[in-house]
Amino acid sequence: MDLSELVACEDVVMFVNAAVTATGQREFHEGADGQRLSLAFLHDYVRTNYRELYAATLALDINEHNAAAVALNLLRTSGEVPLAQRRLEGRLIAARLATMAPQRVYRLLRTLRAEGVNNRRTRAIVRDWVAARPDVAFDAVKYRRGLAAAAAHAHLRLPDEVGTVLFVWKRPKRYETPILESWRRAHYEKDALFELPYTVAEGLASTRRRDIGRAEFLRSIAPRLTELERLRLQRAGGGKVDVALDRQPLTRLALFALSLPRPERARRREELTAALRAAARRAAGRRAGTWGDVVAVLDDSYSSSGSAVKRRRPLAVALATHYLLAELGARYRPLWLNHAGDPLLVHPAGATPLGERLLDALELRPERVVVVSDGWDNAPPGQAAEVLRVWRQRLDPDGRTSVVHLNPVYDGDAFDVRRLSPIVASVGVRDAEDAAALVELARFATGTATFAELRAHLSERVEGFLR
């Protein structure tokens, strides 16, 4: 592979790593402004130089923040590419929007309106997405501003009563649509408040016209809560509501477990462990037991506490990956940097002695070593890279043990996730359940695969995604 292909591979993998991990928010070692600037540069650079592959990343496990940014950038500049490519981009954007949270999509649609992006393809994508919504009257209540902006910008035809709610100041005496009638009555009747979605009801309940205690409000609105809203309320300490743990994705469940005080985790050990193992089995799927002998090096240093806006997320990814690897591996052994004992009681503390733990892991000579860490090796600095260099050059030149580094934290200064060593692949990860698919990208991060193979891999993912 010549130098230009090597650079292209590195550029695309670097962008995928960023698009998986970065959300433009503050991290433990970095502020939000620097990360946003770094991410904006990466989007512009990859879109300009590798537009076809930039669009193809919509078929990968990039996070919704970056998926929305990719869609916005492609629609902004659709005049730069031929008709056939615009059609493919439109299909990719439409397919990705269908998988995203509605509030994220409505935010994107409002941005398109604010920037005056109103070409025919944009209007078609907006029209089809709104038409596919299961209940547009529900959206008129819960996502009122977003739906109004989308309807005005794309000239959508909405049901008469929905249009009245969005664009007519004077309300009728009665709506025939049940949720719209509940919304109208909720401005004056307390009981109607609890027929609305939680976020709408909470906003109305907080107005001065109402005197509803928090406990009474949560008790009455409980039947209307989604599973995610229940989990967020519990994690934030906003109230006591029942949470169905058996329905939660693996990383979200790990975040919930870590939000609980350690004594409560100990008291609920059997319940939480069973839920985490069940979620890991669902995430592993057909890959369960296929990874052979696996050893994990898991970072629970103080920096894994994350930031105020991403509290404990790096540690949650490590904990969730622990349970996932236990299902993927035929044999599995975890090595936490500082913690010993029940992994459910792990907490962020201490330095980051990655080199020491890597020595312990490699001494076991497994088929695969998986490192989950933000990459800030500091006890002592650089030891992990030296351990890996000596291991690969002197002790295991044939590569009998594969090593991959999963990093849940974006490093804006490097425009990538922080790497442990040039000879070991580092891939970004946001949700542990995506780890198995993301490891497939690892071979493109070390220069061992060609640019043609990377293009073929992305084309295959695009075809599967659009099917």
Protein backbone atom coordinates (compact mmCIF):
# COMPACT_ATOMS: atom_id res chain seq x y z
CA MET A 1 0.00 0.00 0.00
CA ASP A 2 1.48 3.36 -1.05
CA LEU A 3 1.69 6.39 1.21
CA SER A 4 -1.46 8.09 -0.16
CA GLU A 5 -3.60 5.01 0.54
CA LEU A 6 -2.13 4.68 4.02
CA VAL A 7 -2.96 8.33 4.76
CA ALA A 8 -6.49 7.87 3.39
CA CYS A 9 -7.06 4.82 5.60
CA GLU A 10 -5.79 6.68 8.65
CA ASP A 11 -7.94 9.74 7.87
CA VAL A 12 -11.17 7.79 7.51
CA VAL A 13 -10.56 5.61 10.57
CA MET A 14 -9.61 8.73 12.54
CA PHE A 15 -12.93 10.32 11.58
CA VAL A 16 -14.91 7.19 12.48
CA ASN A 17 -13.22 7.10 15.89
CA ALA A 18 -14.15 10.73 16.46
CA ALA A 19 -17.71 10.26 15.18
CA VAL A 20 -18.25 7.32 17.52
CA THR A 21 -16.90 8.95 20.69
CA ALA A 22 -17.10 12.76 20.41
CA THR A 23 -20.28 14.65 21.26
CA GLY A 24 -18.94 18.20 21.53
CA GLN A 25 -19.20 18.04 25.32
CA ARG A 26 -16.68 18.44 28.09
CA GLU A 27 -14.44 15.47 28.92
CA PHE A 28 -12.23 14.86 31.95
CA HIS A 29 -9.10 16.22 30.23
CA GLU A 30 -10.70 18.62 27.72
CA GLY A 31 -13.29 21.39 27.50
CA ALA A 32 -16.31 21.48 25.23
CA ASP A 33 -15.14 24.40 23.03
CA GLY A 34 -11.93 22.70 21.97
CA GLN A 35 -13.72 19.47 21.18
CA ARG A 36 -16.36 21.22 19.07
CA LEU A 37 -13.72 23.07 17.04
CA SER A 38 -11.73 19.88 16.50
CA LEU A 39 -14.81 17.94 15.46
CA ALA A 40 -16.01 20.64 13.04
CA PHE A 41 -12.60 20.64 11.33
CA LEU A 42 -12.67 16.85 10.97
CA HIS A 43 -16.14 16.90 9.41
CA ASP A 44 -15.10 19.53 6.86
CA TYR A 45 -11.82 17.79 6.07
CA VAL A 46 -13.26 14.32 5.51
CA ARG A 47 -16.32 15.59 3.61
CA THR A 48 -14.10 17.58 1.26
CA ASN A 49 -11.52 14.86 0.60
CA TYR A 50 -13.49 11.62 0.96
CA ARG A 51 -17.13 12.58 0.46
CA GLU A 52 -18.31 9.13 -0.62
CA LEU A 53 -16.80 7.52 2.47
CA TYR A 54 -18.01 10.41 4.64
CA ALA A 55 -21.58 9.63 3.61
CA ALA A 56 -20.98 5.90 4.15
CA THR A 57 -20.22 6.50 7.84
CA LEU A 58 -23.98 6.98 8.32
CA ALA A 59 -24.19 3.19 8.02
CA LEU A 60 -21.70 2.70 10.87
CA ASP A 61 -22.22 2.93 14.63
CA ILE A 62 -21.40 6.63 14.87
CA ASN A 63 -23.31 8.53 17.55
CA GLU A 64 -26.40 10.62 16.81
CA HIS A 65 -24.62 13.94 17.35
CA ASN A 66 -22.26 13.20 14.48
CA ALA A 67 -24.86 11.43 12.34
CA ALA A 68 -26.92 14.63 12.43
CA ALA A 69 -23.82 16.67 11.54
CA VAL A 70 -23.02 14.37 8.58
CA ALA A 71 -26.61 14.66 7.30
CA LEU A 72 -26.55 18.45 7.68
CA ASN A 73 -23.22 18.82 5.87
CA LEU A 74 -24.29 16.58 2.99
CA LEU A 75 -27.58 18.44 2.51
CA ARG A 76 -25.83 21.82 2.73
CA THR A 77 -23.51 20.89 -0.13
CA SER A 78 -25.63 18.57 -2.28
CA GLY A 79 -24.92 20.73 -5.34
CA GLU A 80 -21.27 19.65 -5.27
CA VAL A 81 -21.90 16.06 -6.43
CA PRO A 82 -23.55 14.29 -9.40
CA LEU A 83 -27.18 13.18 -9.33
CA ALA A 84 -26.43 9.48 -8.71
CA GLN A 85 -24.35 10.28 -5.64
CA ARG A 86 -26.98 12.72 -4.35
CA ARG A 87 -29.57 9.95 -4.57
CA LEU A 88 -27.40 7.54 -2.60
CA GLU A 89 -26.71 10.21 0.01
CA GLY A 90 -30.42 10.93 0.26
CA ARG A 91 -31.18 7.24 0.88
CA LEU A 92 -28.47 7.03 3.53
CA ILE A 93 -29.71 10.17 5.28
CA ALA A 94 -33.33 8.99 5.23
CA ALA A 95 -32.38 5.55 6.55
CA ARG A 96 -30.26 7.02 9.34
CA LEU A 97 -32.90 9.56 10.42
CA ALA A 98 -35.37 6.69 10.77
CA THR A 99 -33.15 5.16 13.49
CA MET A 100 -32.51 8.37 15.44
CA ALA A 101 -34.32 9.85 18.43
CA PRO A 102 -37.09 12.18 17.17
CA GLN A 103 -35.91 15.14 19.25
CA ARG A 104 -32.50 14.89 17.57
CA VAL A 105 -34.09 14.83 14.11
CA TYR A 106 -36.37 17.77 14.87
CA ARG A 107 -33.32 19.72 16.06
CA LEU A 108 -31.64 18.95 12.73
CA LEU A 109 -34.71 20.06 10.79
CA ARG A 110 -34.80 23.34 12.69
CA THR A 111 -31.13 23.90 11.82
CA LEU A 112 -31.86 23.25 8.14
CA ARG A 113 -34.58 25.89 8.27
CA ALA A 114 -32.40 28.41 10.09
CA GLU A 115 -29.66 27.99 7.46
CA GLY A 116 -32.06 28.12 4.52
CA VAL A 117 -31.19 24.63 3.25
CA ASN A 118 -34.33 23.93 1.23
CA ASN A 119 -33.42 22.02 -1.91
CA ARG A 120 -35.78 19.42 -3.35
CA ARG A 121 -33.98 16.48 -1.78
CA THR A 122 -34.10 18.09 1.65
CA ARG A 123 -37.84 18.70 1.36
CA ALA A 124 -38.42 15.10 0.27
CA ILE A 125 -36.42 13.72 3.20
CA VAL A 126 -38.32 15.92 5.68
CA ARG A 127 -41.68 15.03 4.12
CA ASP A 128 -41.03 11.29 4.18
CA TRP A 129 -39.66 11.32 7.72
CA VAL A 130 -42.64 13.23 9.13
CA ALA A 131 -45.05 11.01 7.15
CA ALA A 132 -43.48 7.94 8.73
CA ARG A 133 -43.97 9.21 12.29
CA PRO A 134 -46.41 6.89 14.11
CA ASP A 135 -48.50 9.72 15.59
CA VAL A 136 -48.04 13.23 14.25
CA ALA A 137 -50.56 14.60 16.77
CA PHE A 138 -48.35 13.26 19.57
CA ASP A 139 -45.39 15.04 17.96
CA ALA A 140 -47.44 18.25 17.77
CA VAL A 141 -47.67 18.16 21.55
CA LYS A 142 -44.25 16.80 22.54
CA TYR A 143 -42.07 18.28 19.76
CA ARG A 144 -44.20 21.30 18.91
CA ARG A 145 -41.48 23.75 17.84
CA GLY A 146 -39.61 21.15 15.81
CA LEU A 147 -42.68 19.96 13.91
CA ALA A 148 -43.80 23.54 13.27
CA ALA A 149 -40.38 24.44 11.84
CA ALA A 150 -40.31 21.31 9.65
CA ALA A 151 -43.85 21.87 8.36
CA ALA A 152 -43.25 25.52 7.52
CA HIS A 153 -39.85 24.86 5.91
CA ALA A 154 -40.85 21.87 3.76
CA HIS A 155 -44.44 23.03 3.09
CA LEU A 156 -45.93 19.91 4.64
CA ARG A 157 -49.61 19.08 4.61
CA LEU A 158 -50.66 18.23 8.14
CA PRO A 159 -54.00 17.09 9.55
CA ASP A 160 -56.27 20.10 10.15
CA GLU A 161 -56.23 19.92 13.95
CA VAL A 162 -52.46 19.46 14.05
CA GLY A 163 -52.03 22.53 11.87
CA THR A 164 -54.35 24.47 14.18
CA VAL A 165 -52.27 23.56 17.25
CA LEU A 166 -49.06 24.60 15.53
CA PHE A 167 -50.02 27.75 13.65
CA VAL A 168 -53.32 29.17 14.94
CA TRP A 169 -53.09 31.31 18.07
CA LYS A 170 -56.76 31.06 19.03
CA ARG A 171 -57.64 27.56 20.21
CA PRO A 172 -60.99 25.94 19.33
CA LYS A 173 -63.43 24.97 22.06
CA ARG A 174 -62.66 21.30 21.54
CA TYR A 175 -60.32 19.00 19.57
CA GLU A 176 -61.48 15.66 18.18
CA THR A 177 -57.97 14.18 18.46
CA PRO A 178 -57.66 12.80 22.04
CA ILE A 179 -54.10 13.92 22.79
CA LEU A 180 -54.75 17.41 21.44
CA GLU A 181 -57.88 17.69 23.56
CA SER A 182 -55.90 16.53 26.62
CA TRP A 183 -53.29 19.17 25.88
CA ARG A 184 -55.96 21.88 25.63
CA ARG A 185 -57.64 20.81 28.86
CA ALA A 186 -54.32 20.45 30.71
CA HIS A 187 -53.92 24.21 30.69
CA TYR A 188 -56.91 24.42 33.01
CA GLU A 189 -57.59 20.93 34.46
CA LYS A 190 -55.21 19.13 36.76
CA ASP A 191 -56.38 15.62 35.82
CA ALA A 192 -55.80 16.20 32.11
CA LEU A 193 -52.16 16.94 32.86
CA PHE A 194 -51.46 13.27 33.49
CA GLU A 195 -52.77 12.22 30.08
CA LEU A 196 -49.83 13.98 28.40
CA PRO A 197 -46.24 12.87 27.71
CA TYR A 198 -44.01 13.30 30.76
CA THR A 199 -41.89 16.18 29.42
CA VAL A 200 -44.96 18.18 28.35
CA ALA A 201 -46.76 17.52 31.64
CA GLU A 202 -43.67 18.50 33.63
CA GLY A 203 -43.46 21.83 31.85
CA LEU A 204 -47.11 22.63 32.48
CA ALA A 205 -46.93 21.44 36.08
CA SER A 206 -44.07 23.85 36.77
CA THR A 207 -46.09 26.92 35.84
CA ARG A 208 -47.34 29.19 38.56
CA ARG A 209 -50.92 28.21 37.91
CA ARG A 210 -50.35 24.79 39.43
CA ASP A 211 -49.51 23.63 42.91
CA ILE A 212 -48.54 19.97 42.45
CA GLY A 213 -45.92 18.33 44.67
CA ARG A 214 -43.11 16.39 43.01
CA ALA A 215 -44.08 13.12 44.67
CA GLU A 216 -47.72 13.49 43.64
CA PHE A 217 -46.70 14.44 40.10
CA LEU A 218 -44.42 11.41 39.64
CA ARG A 219 -46.97 9.03 41.12
CA SER A 220 -49.69 10.27 38.78
CA ILE A 221 -47.55 10.52 35.62
CA ALA A 222 -45.83 7.12 36.14
CA PRO A 223 -48.02 5.23 33.61
CA ARG A 224 -46.95 7.71 30.89
CA LEU A 225 -43.19 7.40 31.46
CA THR A 226 -41.04 5.73 28.82
CA GLU A 227 -38.38 3.26 29.96
CA LEU A 228 -35.63 5.78 29.21
CA GLU A 229 -37.40 8.48 31.22
CA ARG A 230 -37.74 6.09 34.16
CA LEU A 231 -34.05 5.29 34.01
CA ARG A 232 -33.02 8.94 33.76
CA LEU A 233 -35.19 9.89 36.72
CA GLN A 234 -33.60 7.17 38.82
CA ARG A 235 -30.05 8.07 37.75
CA ALA A 236 -30.61 11.76 38.44
CA GLY A 237 -32.24 11.08 41.80
CA GLY A 238 -35.33 12.88 40.54
CA GLY A 239 -37.79 10.51 42.14
CA LYS A 240 -38.60 6.92 42.90
CA VAL A 241 -40.14 5.15 39.90
CA ASP A 242 -40.09 1.51 38.88
CA VAL A 243 -37.49 0.65 36.22
CA ALA A 244 -37.71 -2.49 34.08
CA LEU A 245 -34.04 -3.47 34.06
CA ASP A 246 -34.58 -6.39 31.69
CA ARG A 247 -35.46 -3.98 28.85
CA GLN A 248 -32.39 -1.73 29.02
CA PRO A 249 -29.39 -1.75 26.63
CA LEU A 250 -26.11 -2.85 28.18
CA THR A 251 -24.23 0.47 28.49
CA ARG A 252 -27.31 2.34 29.67
CA LEU A 253 -27.80 -0.33 32.32
CA ALA A 254 -24.16 0.01 33.42
CA LEU A 255 -24.61 3.78 33.75
CA PHE A 256 -27.67 3.20 35.90
CA ALA A 257 -25.85 0.71 38.14
CA LEU A 258 -22.92 3.10 38.65
CA SER A 259 -25.29 5.94 39.52
CA LEU A 260 -26.41 4.01 42.60
CA PRO A 261 -24.51 4.31 45.89
CA ARG A 262 -22.16 1.39 46.49
CA PRO A 263 -24.18 0.08 49.49
CA GLU A 264 -27.30 -0.04 47.31
CA ARG A 265 -25.36 -1.81 44.55
CA ALA A 266 -24.22 -4.38 47.09
CA ARG A 267 -27.77 -4.84 48.35
CA ARG A 268 -29.13 -5.27 44.81
CA ARG A 269 -26.14 -7.30 43.57
CA GLU A 270 -28.11 -10.30 42.31
CA GLU A 271 -30.73 -8.20 40.51
CA LEU A 272 -28.24 -5.87 38.83
CA THR A 273 -25.77 -8.60 37.89
CA ALA A 274 -28.51 -10.73 36.35
CA ALA A 275 -29.76 -7.76 34.32
CA LEU A 276 -26.26 -6.88 33.11
CA ARG A 277 -25.52 -10.46 32.10
CA ALA A 278 -28.83 -10.74 30.25
CA ALA A 279 -28.16 -7.48 28.39
CA ALA A 280 -24.66 -8.72 27.51
CA ARG A 281 -26.11 -11.96 26.11
CA ARG A 282 -28.50 -9.97 23.93
CA ALA A 283 -25.63 -7.78 22.71
CA ALA A 284 -23.34 -10.74 21.98
CA GLY A 285 -25.99 -12.58 19.98
CA ARG A 286 -24.52 -15.13 17.59
CA ARG A 287 -20.98 -14.06 18.45
CA ALA A 288 -21.28 -15.50 21.96
CA GLY A 289 -18.36 -17.82 22.79
CA THR A 290 -16.55 -17.17 19.48
CA TRP A 291 -13.68 -14.98 20.69
CA GLY A 292 -11.65 -17.75 22.29
CA ASP A 293 -9.42 -16.98 25.27
CA VAL A 294 -9.87 -13.29 26.17
CA VAL A 295 -8.22 -11.10 28.80
CA ALA A 296 -9.48 -7.56 29.40
CA VAL A 297 -7.55 -4.63 30.87
CA LEU A 298 -10.20 -2.30 32.27
CA ASP A 299 -9.53 1.31 33.28
CA ASP A 300 -11.11 2.37 36.59
CA SER A 301 -8.68 5.23 37.28
CA TYR A 302 -9.94 8.59 38.50
CA SER A 303 -10.27 9.97 34.96
CA SER A 304 -12.90 7.30 34.24
CA SER A 305 -15.28 9.44 36.31
CA GLY A 306 -15.77 11.51 33.14
CA SER A 307 -17.13 15.04 33.38
CA ALA A 308 -20.17 16.84 34.75
CA VAL A 309 -22.07 16.26 31.49
CA LYS A 310 -20.75 12.71 30.86
CA ARG A 311 -20.65 11.48 34.42
CA ARG A 312 -18.99 8.08 34.82
CA ARG A 313 -19.43 7.24 31.15
CA PRO A 314 -15.86 5.92 30.56
CA LEU A 315 -16.20 3.67 33.61
CA ALA A 316 -19.66 2.54 32.48
CA VAL A 317 -18.26 1.54 29.08
CA ALA A 318 -15.53 -0.47 30.82
CA LEU A 319 -18.06 -2.18 33.11
CA ALA A 320 -20.43 -2.95 30.24
CA THR A 321 -17.54 -4.28 28.12
CA HIS A 322 -16.55 -6.55 31.02
CA TYR A 323 -19.93 -8.27 30.92
CA LEU A 324 -19.97 -8.37 27.11
CA LEU A 325 -16.52 -9.99 26.87
CA ALA A 326 -17.61 -12.59 29.41
CA GLU A 327 -20.21 -13.66 26.84
CA LEU A 328 -18.03 -13.29 23.72
CA GLY A 329 -15.06 -15.23 25.07
CA ALA A 330 -14.92 -19.00 25.50
CA ARG A 331 -12.68 -18.17 28.44
CA TYR A 332 -12.50 -14.73 29.99
CA ARG A 333 -10.40 -13.02 32.68
CA PRO A 334 -10.78 -9.35 33.68
CA LEU A 335 -7.93 -7.20 35.05
CA TRP A 336 -9.04 -3.86 36.51
CA LEU A 337 -6.32 -1.27 37.04
CA ASN A 338 -7.13 -0.70 40.71
CA HIS A 339 -10.29 -2.57 41.68
CA ALA A 340 -10.46 -6.09 43.06
CA GLY A 341 -13.55 -8.13 43.82
CA ASP A 342 -17.09 -7.73 42.54
CA PRO A 343 -16.98 -5.56 39.36
CA LEU A 344 -20.39 -4.15 40.24
CA LEU A 345 -18.75 -2.22 43.09
CA VAL A 346 -16.07 -0.61 40.94
CA HIS A 347 -15.55 3.13 41.34
CA PRO A 348 -13.14 5.65 39.76
CA ALA A 349 -9.97 6.09 41.82
CA GLY A 350 -6.20 6.19 41.50
CA ALA A 351 -3.69 6.56 38.68
CA THR A 352 -3.57 4.73 35.33
CA PRO A 353 -0.90 1.97 35.44
CA LEU A 354 -1.76 0.50 32.05
CA GLY A 355 1.74 -0.85 31.43
CA GLU A 356 1.69 -2.91 34.62
CA ARG A 357 -1.70 -4.43 33.85
CA LEU A 358 -0.71 -5.14 30.24
CA LEU A 359 2.25 -7.14 31.53
CA ASP A 360 -0.13 -9.18 33.67
CA ALA A 361 -2.47 -9.72 30.74
CA LEU A 362 0.20 -10.71 28.21
CA GLU A 363 1.81 -13.07 30.70
CA LEU A 364 -1.36 -15.17 30.50
CA ARG A 365 -0.79 -15.51 26.72
CA PRO A 366 -4.45 -15.33 25.66
CA GLU A 367 -5.67 -15.27 22.08
CA ARG A 368 -6.98 -11.73 22.51
CA VAL A 369 -6.29 -8.79 24.84
CA VAL A 370 -8.89 -6.03 24.92
CA VAL A 371 -7.94 -2.75 26.63
CA VAL A 372 -10.74 -0.35 27.59
CA SER A 373 -9.20 2.97 28.62
CA ASP A 374 -9.05 6.68 27.80
CA GLY A 375 -5.37 6.07 27.00
CA TRP A 376 -3.83 8.44 29.57
CA ASP A 377 -1.12 6.02 30.63
CA ASN A 378 0.63 7.85 33.49
CA ALA A 379 2.04 5.43 36.05
CA PRO A 380 4.71 5.78 34.65
CA PRO A 381 3.95 7.64 31.39
CA GLY A 382 4.67 5.65 28.23
CA GLN A 383 5.12 2.26 29.94
CA ALA A 384 2.19 0.68 28.08
CA ALA A 385 3.65 1.63 24.68
CA GLU A 386 7.03 0.18 25.62
CA VAL A 387 5.50 -3.05 26.92
CA LEU A 388 3.57 -3.48 23.67
CA ARG A 389 6.63 -2.71 21.53
CA VAL A 390 8.85 -5.26 23.27
CA TRP A 391 6.07 -7.84 23.30
CA ARG A 392 5.41 -7.54 19.56
CA GLN A 393 9.07 -7.29 18.46
CA ARG A 394 10.75 -9.75 20.81
CA LEU A 395 8.23 -12.08 22.45
CA ASP A 396 5.36 -12.45 20.00
CA PRO A 397 6.52 -11.43 16.50
CA ASP A 398 4.04 -13.86 14.91
CA GLY A 399 1.10 -12.09 16.50
CA ARG A 400 -0.36 -15.09 18.28
CA THR A 401 -1.97 -12.68 20.76
CA SER A 402 -4.00 -9.88 19.22
CA VAL A 403 -4.29 -6.61 21.16
CA VAL A 404 -6.98 -3.99 20.54
CA HIS A 405 -7.61 -0.78 22.45
CA LEU A 406 -11.18 0.48 22.84
CA ASN A 407 -11.24 4.15 23.83
CA PRO A 408 -14.48 5.85 24.95
CA VAL A 409 -12.98 9.38 25.04
CA TYR A 410 -12.17 11.70 22.13
CA ASP A 411 -8.94 13.72 22.24
CA GLY A 412 -9.57 17.01 20.42
CA ASP A 413 -5.88 17.94 20.30
CA ALA A 414 -5.06 14.75 18.39
CA PHE A 415 -8.27 14.76 16.29
CA ASP A 416 -8.67 11.14 17.34
CA VAL A 417 -8.94 8.90 20.35
CA ARG A 418 -5.72 8.78 22.37
CA ARG A 419 -3.58 5.82 21.29
CA LEU A 420 -1.54 3.47 23.44
CA SER A 421 0.98 2.54 20.77
CA PRO A 422 1.47 2.91 16.98
CA ILE A 423 1.54 -0.89 16.64
CA VAL A 424 -1.81 -1.47 18.36
CA ALA A 425 -5.16 -0.47 16.89
CA SER A 426 -7.15 2.07 18.91
CA VAL A 427 -10.82 2.41 18.02
CA GLY A 428 -13.41 4.71 19.50
CA VAL A 429 -16.35 3.23 21.39
CA ARG A 430 -19.39 4.92 22.89
CA ASP A 431 -21.62 1.95 23.69
CA ALA A 432 -20.08 -1.36 24.69
CA GLU A 433 -22.67 -3.30 22.71
CA ASP A 434 -21.09 -1.93 19.50
CA ALA A 435 -17.62 -3.14 20.47
CA ALA A 436 -17.74 -6.38 18.49
CA ALA A 437 -18.58 -4.54 15.26
CA LEU A 438 -16.06 -1.76 15.93
CA VAL A 439 -13.23 -4.25 16.43
CA GLU A 440 -13.65 -5.08 12.73
CA LEU A 441 -12.34 -1.58 12.00
CA ALA A 442 -9.21 -2.20 14.05
CA ARG A 443 -7.30 -3.76 11.17
CA PHE A 444 -7.68 -0.56 9.15
CA ALA A 445 -6.12 1.52 11.95
CA THR A 446 -2.64 -0.05 11.87
CA GLY A 447 -1.83 -0.01 8.16
CA THR A 448 -2.29 -3.76 7.74
CA ALA A 449 -5.28 -3.41 5.37
CA THR A 450 -5.50 -1.55 2.06
CA PHE A 451 -7.64 1.44 1.20
CA ALA A 452 -9.50 -0.74 -1.29
CA GLU A 453 -10.39 -3.14 1.53
CA LEU A 454 -11.64 -0.23 3.63
CA ARG A 455 -13.85 0.97 0.76
CA ALA A 456 -15.18 -2.56 0.27
CA HIS A 457 -15.93 -2.87 4.00
CA LEU A 458 -17.85 0.41 4.02
CA SER A 459 -19.73 -0.51 0.82
CA GLU A 460 -20.80 -3.77 2.42
CA ARG A 461 -22.02 -1.95 5.53
CA VAL A 462 -23.92 0.56 3.35
CA GLU A 463 -25.66 -2.20 1.39
CA GLY A 464 -26.68 -4.00 4.57
CA PHE A 465 -27.85 -0.77 6.18
CA LEU A 466 -30.02 0.25 3.24
CA ARG A 467 -31.57 -3.22 3.03
